[in-house]
PDB file of all heavy atoms in Angstrom:
ATOM      1  N   VAL A   1      69.720 179.897  21.944  1.00  0.00           N
ATOM      2  CA  VAL A   1      68.973 180.319  20.740  1.00  0.00           C
ATOM      3  C   VAL A   1      67.709 181.052  21.080  1.00  0.00           C
ATOM      4  O   VAL A   1      67.436 182.098  20.587  1.00  0.00           O
ATOM      5  CB  VAL A   1      68.549 179.009  19.890  1.00  0.00           C
ATOM      6  CG1 VAL A   1      67.510 179.348  18.928  1.00  0.00           C
ATOM      7  CG2 VAL A   1      69.793 178.353  19.332  1.00  0.00           C
ATOM      8  N   VAL A   2      67.012 180.591  22.122  1.00  0.00           N
ATOM      9  CA  VAL A   2      65.748 181.305  22.582  1.00  0.00           C
ATOM     10  C   VAL A   2      66.132 182.708  23.075  1.00  0.00           C
ATOM     11  O   VAL A   2      65.419 183.672  22.709  1.00  0.00           O
ATOM     12  CB  VAL A   2      65.086 180.509  23.722  1.00  0.00           C
ATOM     13  CG1 VAL A   2      63.980 181.317  24.484  1.00  0.00           C
ATOM     14  CG2 VAL A   2      64.451 179.256  23.162  1.00  0.00           C
ATOM     15  N   VAL A   3      67.161 182.810  23.836  1.00  0.00           N
ATOM     16  CA  VAL A   3      67.549 184.149  24.371  1.00  0.00           C
ATOM     17  C   VAL A   3      68.036 185.083  23.236  1.00  0.00           C
ATOM     18  O   VAL A   3      67.644 186.288  23.117  1.00  0.00           O
ATOM     19  CB  VAL A   3      68.615 184.018  25.495  1.00  0.00           C
ATOM     20  CG1 VAL A   3      69.274 185.359  25.833  1.00  0.00           C
ATOM     21  CG2 VAL A   3      68.000 183.398  26.660  1.00  0.00           C
ATOM     22  N   LEU A   4      68.899 184.557  22.369  1.00  0.00           N
ATOM     23  CA  LEU A   4      69.381 185.484  21.225  1.00  0.00           C
ATOM     24  C   LEU A   4      68.325 185.825  20.246  1.00  0.00           C
ATOM     25  O   LEU A   4      68.155 186.960  19.900  1.00  0.00           O
ATOM     26  CB  LEU A   4      70.560 184.803  20.524  1.00  0.00           C
ATOM     27  CG  LEU A   4      71.750 184.659  21.378  1.00  0.00           C
ATOM     28  CD1 LEU A   4      72.930 183.896  20.513  1.00  0.00           C
ATOM     29  CD2 LEU A   4      72.372 185.940  21.718  1.00  0.00           C
ATOM     30  N   LEU A   5      67.541 184.799  19.763  1.00  0.00           N
ATOM     31  CA  LEU A   5      66.438 185.098  18.970  1.00  0.00           C
ATOM     32  C   LEU A   5      65.409 186.071  19.603  1.00  0.00           C
ATOM     33  O   LEU A   5      64.922 186.983  18.948  1.00  0.00           O
ATOM     34  CB  LEU A   5      65.768 183.819  18.381  1.00  0.00           C
ATOM     35  CG  LEU A   5      64.724 183.966  17.354  1.00  0.00           C
ATOM     36  CD1 LEU A   5      65.242 184.759  16.142  1.00  0.00           C
ATOM     37  CD2 LEU A   5      64.128 182.720  16.965  1.00  0.00           C
ATOM     38  N   GLY A   6      65.033 185.714  20.823  1.00  0.00           N
ATOM     39  CA  GLY A   6      64.113 186.474  21.510  1.00  0.00           C
ATOM     40  C   GLY A   6      64.553 187.982  21.784  1.00  0.00           C
ATOM     41  O   GLY A   6      63.825 188.927  21.545  1.00  0.00           O
ATOM     42  N   THR A   7      65.839 188.156  22.137  1.00  0.00           N
ATOM     43  CA  THR A   7      66.323 189.546  22.340  1.00  0.00           C
ATOM     44  C   THR A   7      66.421 190.248  20.995  1.00  0.00           C
ATOM     45  O   THR A   7      65.974 191.414  20.915  1.00  0.00           O
ATOM     46  CB  THR A   7      67.780 189.435  22.907  1.00  0.00           C
ATOM     47  OG1 THR A   7      67.692 188.805  24.074  1.00  0.00           O
ATOM     48  CG2 THR A   7      68.285 190.794  23.085  1.00  0.00           C
ATOM     49  N   ALA A   8      66.856 189.589  19.950  1.00  0.00           N
ATOM     50  CA  ALA A   8      66.916 190.269  18.558  1.00  0.00           C
ATOM     51  C   ALA A   8      65.414 190.580  18.082  1.00  0.00           C
ATOM     52  O   ALA A   8      65.283 191.683  17.494  1.00  0.00           O
ATOM     53  CB  ALA A   8      67.568 189.290  17.576  1.00  0.00           C
ATOM     54  N   ALA A   9      64.534 189.791  18.481  1.00  0.00           N
ATOM     55  CA  ALA A   9      63.131 190.110  18.050  1.00  0.00           C
ATOM     56  C   ALA A   9      62.466 191.215  18.915  1.00  0.00           C
ATOM     57  O   ALA A   9      61.657 191.955  18.355  1.00  0.00           O
ATOM     58  CB  ALA A   9      62.321 188.748  18.149  1.00  0.00           C
ATOM     59  N   PHE A  10      62.850 191.218  20.173  1.00  0.00           N
ATOM     60  CA  PHE A  10      62.199 192.155  21.097  1.00  0.00           C
ATOM     61  C   PHE A  10      62.696 193.585  20.937  1.00  0.00           C
ATOM     62  O   PHE A  10      61.926 194.521  21.004  1.00  0.00           O
ATOM     63  CB  PHE A  10      62.452 191.614  22.499  1.00  0.00           C
ATOM     64  CG  PHE A  10      61.859 192.654  23.596  1.00  0.00           C
ATOM     65  CD1 PHE A  10      60.474 192.622  23.890  1.00  0.00           C
ATOM     66  CD2 PHE A  10      62.766 193.373  24.324  1.00  0.00           C
ATOM     67  CE1 PHE A  10      60.011 193.501  24.755  1.00  0.00           C
ATOM     68  CE2 PHE A  10      62.256 194.222  25.282  1.00  0.00           C
ATOM     69  CZ  PHE A  10      60.950 194.239  25.472  1.00  0.00           C
ATOM     70  N   VAL A  11      63.976 193.744  20.622  1.00  0.00           N
ATOM     71  CA  VAL A  11      64.684 195.035  20.654  1.00  0.00           C
ATOM     72  C   VAL A  11      64.005 196.080  19.754  1.00  0.00           C
ATOM     73  O   VAL A  11      63.776 197.180  20.171  1.00  0.00           O
ATOM     74  CB  VAL A  11      66.184 194.917  20.420  1.00  0.00           C
ATOM     75  CG1 VAL A  11      66.804 196.262  20.205  1.00  0.00           C
ATOM     76  CG2 VAL A  11      66.787 194.238  21.707  1.00  0.00           C
ATOM     77  N   PRO A  12      63.748 195.689  18.444  1.00  0.00           N
ATOM     78  CA  PRO A  12      63.167 196.754  17.540  1.00  0.00           C
ATOM     79  C   PRO A  12      61.939 197.372  18.079  1.00  0.00           C
ATOM     80  O   PRO A  12      61.725 198.601  18.017  1.00  0.00           O
ATOM     81  CB  PRO A  12      62.943 196.009  16.206  1.00  0.00           C
ATOM     82  CG  PRO A  12      63.884 194.860  16.250  1.00  0.00           C
ATOM     83  CD  PRO A  12      63.937 194.452  17.683  1.00  0.00           C
ATOM     84  N   GLY A  13      61.015 196.585  18.547  1.00  0.00           N
ATOM     85  CA  GLY A  13      59.712 197.157  19.016  1.00  0.00           C
ATOM     86  C   GLY A  13      59.887 197.845  20.324  1.00  0.00           C
ATOM     87  O   GLY A  13      59.329 198.948  20.591  1.00  0.00           O
ATOM     88  N   TYR A  14      60.829 197.355  21.197  1.00  0.00           N
ATOM     89  CA  TYR A  14      61.086 198.066  22.480  1.00  0.00           C
ATOM     90  C   TYR A  14      61.762 199.410  22.264  1.00  0.00           C
ATOM     91  O   TYR A  14      61.425 200.350  22.993  1.00  0.00           O
ATOM     92  CB  TYR A  14      61.977 197.215  23.409  1.00  0.00           C
ATOM     93  CG  TYR A  14      62.269 197.929  24.667  1.00  0.00           C
ATOM     94  CD1 TYR A  14      61.334 198.013  25.655  1.00  0.00           C
ATOM     95  CD2 TYR A  14      63.553 198.489  24.890  1.00  0.00           C
ATOM     96  CE1 TYR A  14      61.581 198.828  26.780  1.00  0.00           C
ATOM     97  CE2 TYR A  14      63.827 199.294  25.966  1.00  0.00           C
ATOM     98  CZ  TYR A  14      62.835 199.319  26.965  1.00  0.00           C
ATOM     99  OH  TYR A  14      63.111 200.118  28.069  1.00  0.00           O
ATOM    100  N   ARG A  15      62.602 199.456  21.302  1.00  0.00           N
ATOM    101  CA  ARG A  15      63.292 200.746  21.055  1.00  0.00           C
ATOM    102  C   ARG A  15      62.327 201.852  20.655  1.00  0.00           C
ATOM    103  O   ARG A  15      62.537 203.059  20.935  1.00  0.00           O
ATOM    104  CB  ARG A  15      64.387 200.630  20.023  1.00  0.00           C
ATOM    105  CG  ARG A  15      65.616 199.805  20.615  1.00  0.00           C
ATOM    106  CD  ARG A  15      66.623 199.553  19.503  1.00  0.00           C
ATOM    107  NE  ARG A  15      67.297 200.794  19.204  1.00  0.00           N
ATOM    108  CZ  ARG A  15      68.133 200.990  18.186  1.00  0.00           C
ATOM    109  NH1 ARG A  15      68.349 199.962  17.431  1.00  0.00           N
ATOM    110  NH2 ARG A  15      68.785 202.136  18.071  1.00  0.00           N
ATOM    111  N   LEU A  16      61.188 201.355  20.050  1.00  0.00           N
ATOM    112  CA  LEU A  16      60.198 202.355  19.522  1.00  0.00           C
ATOM    113  C   LEU A  16      59.248 202.691  20.717  1.00  0.00           C
ATOM    114  O   LEU A  16      58.971 203.780  20.897  1.00  0.00           O
ATOM    115  CB  LEU A  16      59.499 201.783  18.371  1.00  0.00           C
ATOM    116  CG  LEU A  16      58.394 202.613  17.705  1.00  0.00           C
ATOM    117  CD1 LEU A  16      59.065 203.885  17.046  1.00  0.00           C
ATOM    118  CD2 LEU A  16      57.717 201.827  16.657  1.00  0.00           C
ATOM    119  N   HIS A  17      58.851 201.720  21.476  1.00  0.00           N
ATOM    120  CA  HIS A  17      57.731 201.872  22.387  1.00  0.00           C
ATOM    121  C   HIS A  17      58.231 202.149  23.838  1.00  0.00           C
ATOM    122  O   HIS A  17      57.438 202.692  24.653  1.00  0.00           O
ATOM    123  CB  HIS A  17      56.732 200.719  22.353  1.00  0.00           C
ATOM    124  CG  HIS A  17      56.283 200.552  20.938  1.00  0.00           C
ATOM    125  ND1 HIS A  17      55.518 201.391  20.246  1.00  0.00           N
ATOM    126  CD2 HIS A  17      56.454 199.499  20.097  1.00  0.00           C
ATOM    127  CE1 HIS A  17      55.237 200.924  19.045  1.00  0.00           C
ATOM    128  NE2 HIS A  17      55.816 199.772  18.938  1.00  0.00           N
ATOM    129  N   ARG A  18      59.360 201.654  24.199  1.00  0.00           N
ATOM    130  CA  ARG A  18      59.923 201.895  25.533  1.00  0.00           C
ATOM    131  C   ARG A  18      59.024 201.454  26.765  1.00  0.00           C
ATOM    132  O   ARG A  18      58.975 202.180  27.709  1.00  0.00           O
ATOM    133  CB  ARG A  18      60.424 203.370  25.648  1.00  0.00           C
ATOM    134  CG  ARG A  18      61.365 203.765  24.648  1.00  0.00           C
ATOM    135  CD  ARG A  18      62.723 203.376  25.027  1.00  0.00           C
ATOM    136  NE  ARG A  18      63.639 203.936  23.889  1.00  0.00           N
ATOM    137  CZ  ARG A  18      64.834 203.558  23.844  1.00  0.00           C
ATOM    138  NH1 ARG A  18      65.389 202.660  24.643  1.00  0.00           N
ATOM    139  NH2 ARG A  18      65.582 204.030  22.934  1.00  0.00           N
ATOM    140  N   ARG A  19      58.413 200.371  26.672  1.00  0.00           N
ATOM    141  CA  ARG A  19      57.533 199.908  27.766  1.00  0.00           C
ATOM    142  C   ARG A  19      58.398 199.199  28.810  1.00  0.00           C
ATOM    143  O   ARG A  19      58.902 198.053  28.622  1.00  0.00           O
ATOM    144  CB  ARG A  19      56.476 199.012  27.333  1.00  0.00           C
ATOM    145  CG  ARG A  19      55.527 199.524  26.220  1.00  0.00           C
ATOM    146  CD  ARG A  19      54.659 200.499  26.791  1.00  0.00           C
ATOM    147  NE  ARG A  19      53.788 201.131  25.767  1.00  0.00           N
ATOM    148  CZ  ARG A  19      52.495 200.978  25.650  1.00  0.00           C
ATOM    149  NH1 ARG A  19      51.841 200.156  26.526  1.00  0.00           N
ATOM    150  NH2 ARG A  19      51.793 201.530  24.649  1.00  0.00           N
ATOM    151  N   LYS A  20      58.583 199.843  29.993  1.00  0.00           N
ATOM    152  CA  LYS A  20      59.475 199.305  31.066  1.00  0.00           C
ATOM    153  C   LYS A  20      58.957 198.029  31.605  1.00  0.00           C
ATOM    154  O   LYS A  20      59.762 197.101  31.966  1.00  0.00           O
ATOM    155  CB  LYS A  20      59.727 200.398  32.209  1.00  0.00           C
ATOM    156  CG  LYS A  20      60.321 201.685  31.664  1.00  0.00           C
ATOM    157  CD  LYS A  20      61.690 201.478  31.366  1.00  0.00           C
ATOM    158  CE  LYS A  20      62.317 202.892  30.997  1.00  0.00           C
ATOM    159  NZ  LYS A  20      63.401 202.885  30.182  1.00  0.00           N
ATOM    160  N   THR A  21      57.676 197.876  31.757  1.00  0.00           N
ATOM    161  CA  THR A  21      57.077 196.603  32.286  1.00  0.00           C
ATOM    162  C   THR A  21      57.373 195.402  31.340  1.00  0.00           C
ATOM    163  O   THR A  21      57.591 194.312  31.807  1.00  0.00           O
ATOM    164  CB  THR A  21      55.535 196.818  32.590  1.00  0.00           C
ATOM    165  OG1 THR A  21      54.901 197.218  31.353  1.00  0.00           O
ATOM    166  CG2 THR A  21      55.323 197.714  33.688  1.00  0.00           C
ATOM    167  N   LEU A  22      57.342 195.779  30.125  1.00  0.00           N
ATOM    168  CA  LEU A  22      57.625 194.748  29.047  1.00  0.00           C
ATOM    169  C   LEU A  22      59.149 194.333  29.120  1.00  0.00           C
ATOM    170  O   LEU A  22      59.415 193.141  29.085  1.00  0.00           O
ATOM    171  CB  LEU A  22      57.372 195.205  27.686  1.00  0.00           C
ATOM    172  CG  LEU A  22      57.013 194.265  26.586  1.00  0.00           C
ATOM    173  CD1 LEU A  22      55.961 193.242  26.933  1.00  0.00           C
ATOM    174  CD2 LEU A  22      56.617 194.988  25.344  1.00  0.00           C
ATOM    175  N   LEU A  23      59.968 195.260  29.374  1.00  0.00           N
ATOM    176  CA  LEU A  23      61.391 194.980  29.546  1.00  0.00           C
ATOM    177  C   LEU A  23      61.592 194.114  30.805  1.00  0.00           C
ATOM    178  O   LEU A  23      62.366 193.100  30.719  1.00  0.00           O
ATOM    179  CB  LEU A  23      62.214 196.208  29.629  1.00  0.00           C
ATOM    180  CG  LEU A  23      63.732 196.086  29.714  1.00  0.00           C
ATOM    181  CD1 LEU A  23      64.271 195.398  28.663  1.00  0.00           C
ATOM    182  CD2 LEU A  23      64.388 197.442  29.958  1.00  0.00           C
ATOM    183  N   ALA A  24      60.846 194.380  31.844  1.00  0.00           N
ATOM    184  CA  ALA A  24      60.964 193.586  33.043  1.00  0.00           C
ATOM    185  C   ALA A  24      60.484 192.179  32.805  1.00  0.00           C
ATOM    186  O   ALA A  24      61.075 191.171  33.301  1.00  0.00           O
ATOM    187  CB  ALA A  24      60.184 194.277  34.225  1.00  0.00           C
ATOM    188  N   LEU A  25      59.446 192.014  31.983  1.00  0.00           N
ATOM    189  CA  LEU A  25      58.923 190.672  31.807  1.00  0.00           C
ATOM    190  C   LEU A  25      59.881 189.863  30.894  1.00  0.00           C
ATOM    191  O   LEU A  25      60.135 188.673  31.200  1.00  0.00           O
ATOM    192  CB  LEU A  25      57.545 190.840  30.976  1.00  0.00           C
ATOM    193  CG  LEU A  25      56.755 189.607  30.759  1.00  0.00           C
ATOM    194  CD1 LEU A  25      56.326 188.947  32.047  1.00  0.00           C
ATOM    195  CD2 LEU A  25      55.509 189.935  29.887  1.00  0.00           C
ATOM    196  N   VAL A  26      60.489 190.458  29.926  1.00  0.00           N
ATOM    197  CA  VAL A  26      61.527 189.830  29.107  1.00  0.00           C
ATOM    198  C   VAL A  26      62.766 189.423  29.967  1.00  0.00           C
ATOM    199  O   VAL A  26      63.232 188.307  29.897  1.00  0.00           O
ATOM    200  CB  VAL A  26      61.904 190.650  27.905  1.00  0.00           C
ATOM    201  CG1 VAL A  26      63.143 190.132  27.280  1.00  0.00           C
ATOM    202  CG2 VAL A  26      60.866 190.780  26.893  1.00  0.00           C
ATOM    203  N   THR A  27      63.175 190.309  30.783  1.00  0.00           N
ATOM    204  CA  THR A  27      64.317 190.059  31.610  1.00  0.00           C
ATOM    205  C   THR A  27      64.027 188.902  32.601  1.00  0.00           C
ATOM    206  O   THR A  27      64.861 188.012  32.832  1.00  0.00           O
ATOM    207  CB  THR A  27      64.716 191.299  32.452  1.00  0.00           C
ATOM    208  OG1 THR A  27      65.036 192.382  31.525  1.00  0.00           O
ATOM    209  CG2 THR A  27      65.936 191.134  33.287  1.00  0.00           C
ATOM    210  N   ALA A  28      62.879 188.871  33.209  1.00  0.00           N
ATOM    211  CA  ALA A  28      62.553 187.850  34.102  1.00  0.00           C
ATOM    212  C   ALA A  28      62.444 186.484  33.336  1.00  0.00           C
ATOM    213  O   ALA A  28      62.898 185.450  33.820  1.00  0.00           O
ATOM    214  CB  ALA A  28      61.179 188.100  34.760  1.00  0.00           C
ATOM    215  N   GLY A  29      61.818 186.387  32.148  1.00  0.00           N
ATOM    216  CA  GLY A  29      61.651 185.275  31.304  1.00  0.00           C
ATOM    217  C   GLY A  29      63.056 184.721  30.961  1.00  0.00           C
ATOM    218  O   GLY A  29      63.271 183.586  31.003  1.00  0.00           O
ATOM    219  N   ILE A  30      63.955 185.562  30.455  1.00  0.00           N
ATOM    220  CA  ILE A  30      65.210 185.144  30.020  1.00  0.00           C
ATOM    221  C   ILE A  30      66.002 184.681  31.301  1.00  0.00           C
ATOM    222  O   ILE A  30      66.698 183.612  31.111  1.00  0.00           O
ATOM    223  CB  ILE A  30      66.047 186.311  29.360  1.00  0.00           C
ATOM    224  CG1 ILE A  30      65.524 186.617  27.982  1.00  0.00           C
ATOM    225  CG2 ILE A  30      67.559 186.041  29.291  1.00  0.00           C
ATOM    226  CD1 ILE A  30      66.020 187.873  27.382  1.00  0.00           C
ATOM    227  N   SER A  31      65.916 185.323  32.370  1.00  0.00           N
ATOM    228  CA  SER A  31      66.587 184.802  33.610  1.00  0.00           C
ATOM    229  C   SER A  31      66.180 183.392  34.010  1.00  0.00           C
ATOM    230  O   SER A  31      67.011 182.599  34.323  1.00  0.00           O
ATOM    231  CB  SER A  31      66.298 185.840  34.718  1.00  0.00           C
ATOM    232  OG  SER A  31      66.895 187.050  34.421  1.00  0.00           O
TER     233      SER A  31
END
């Protein structure tokens, strides 16, 4: 639930702003 909701919540903003460090932070947290 945390991963699916988090990913669904993160993607819209990321698609607009494309911050690679933020993507790395999300990936590490999910992992």
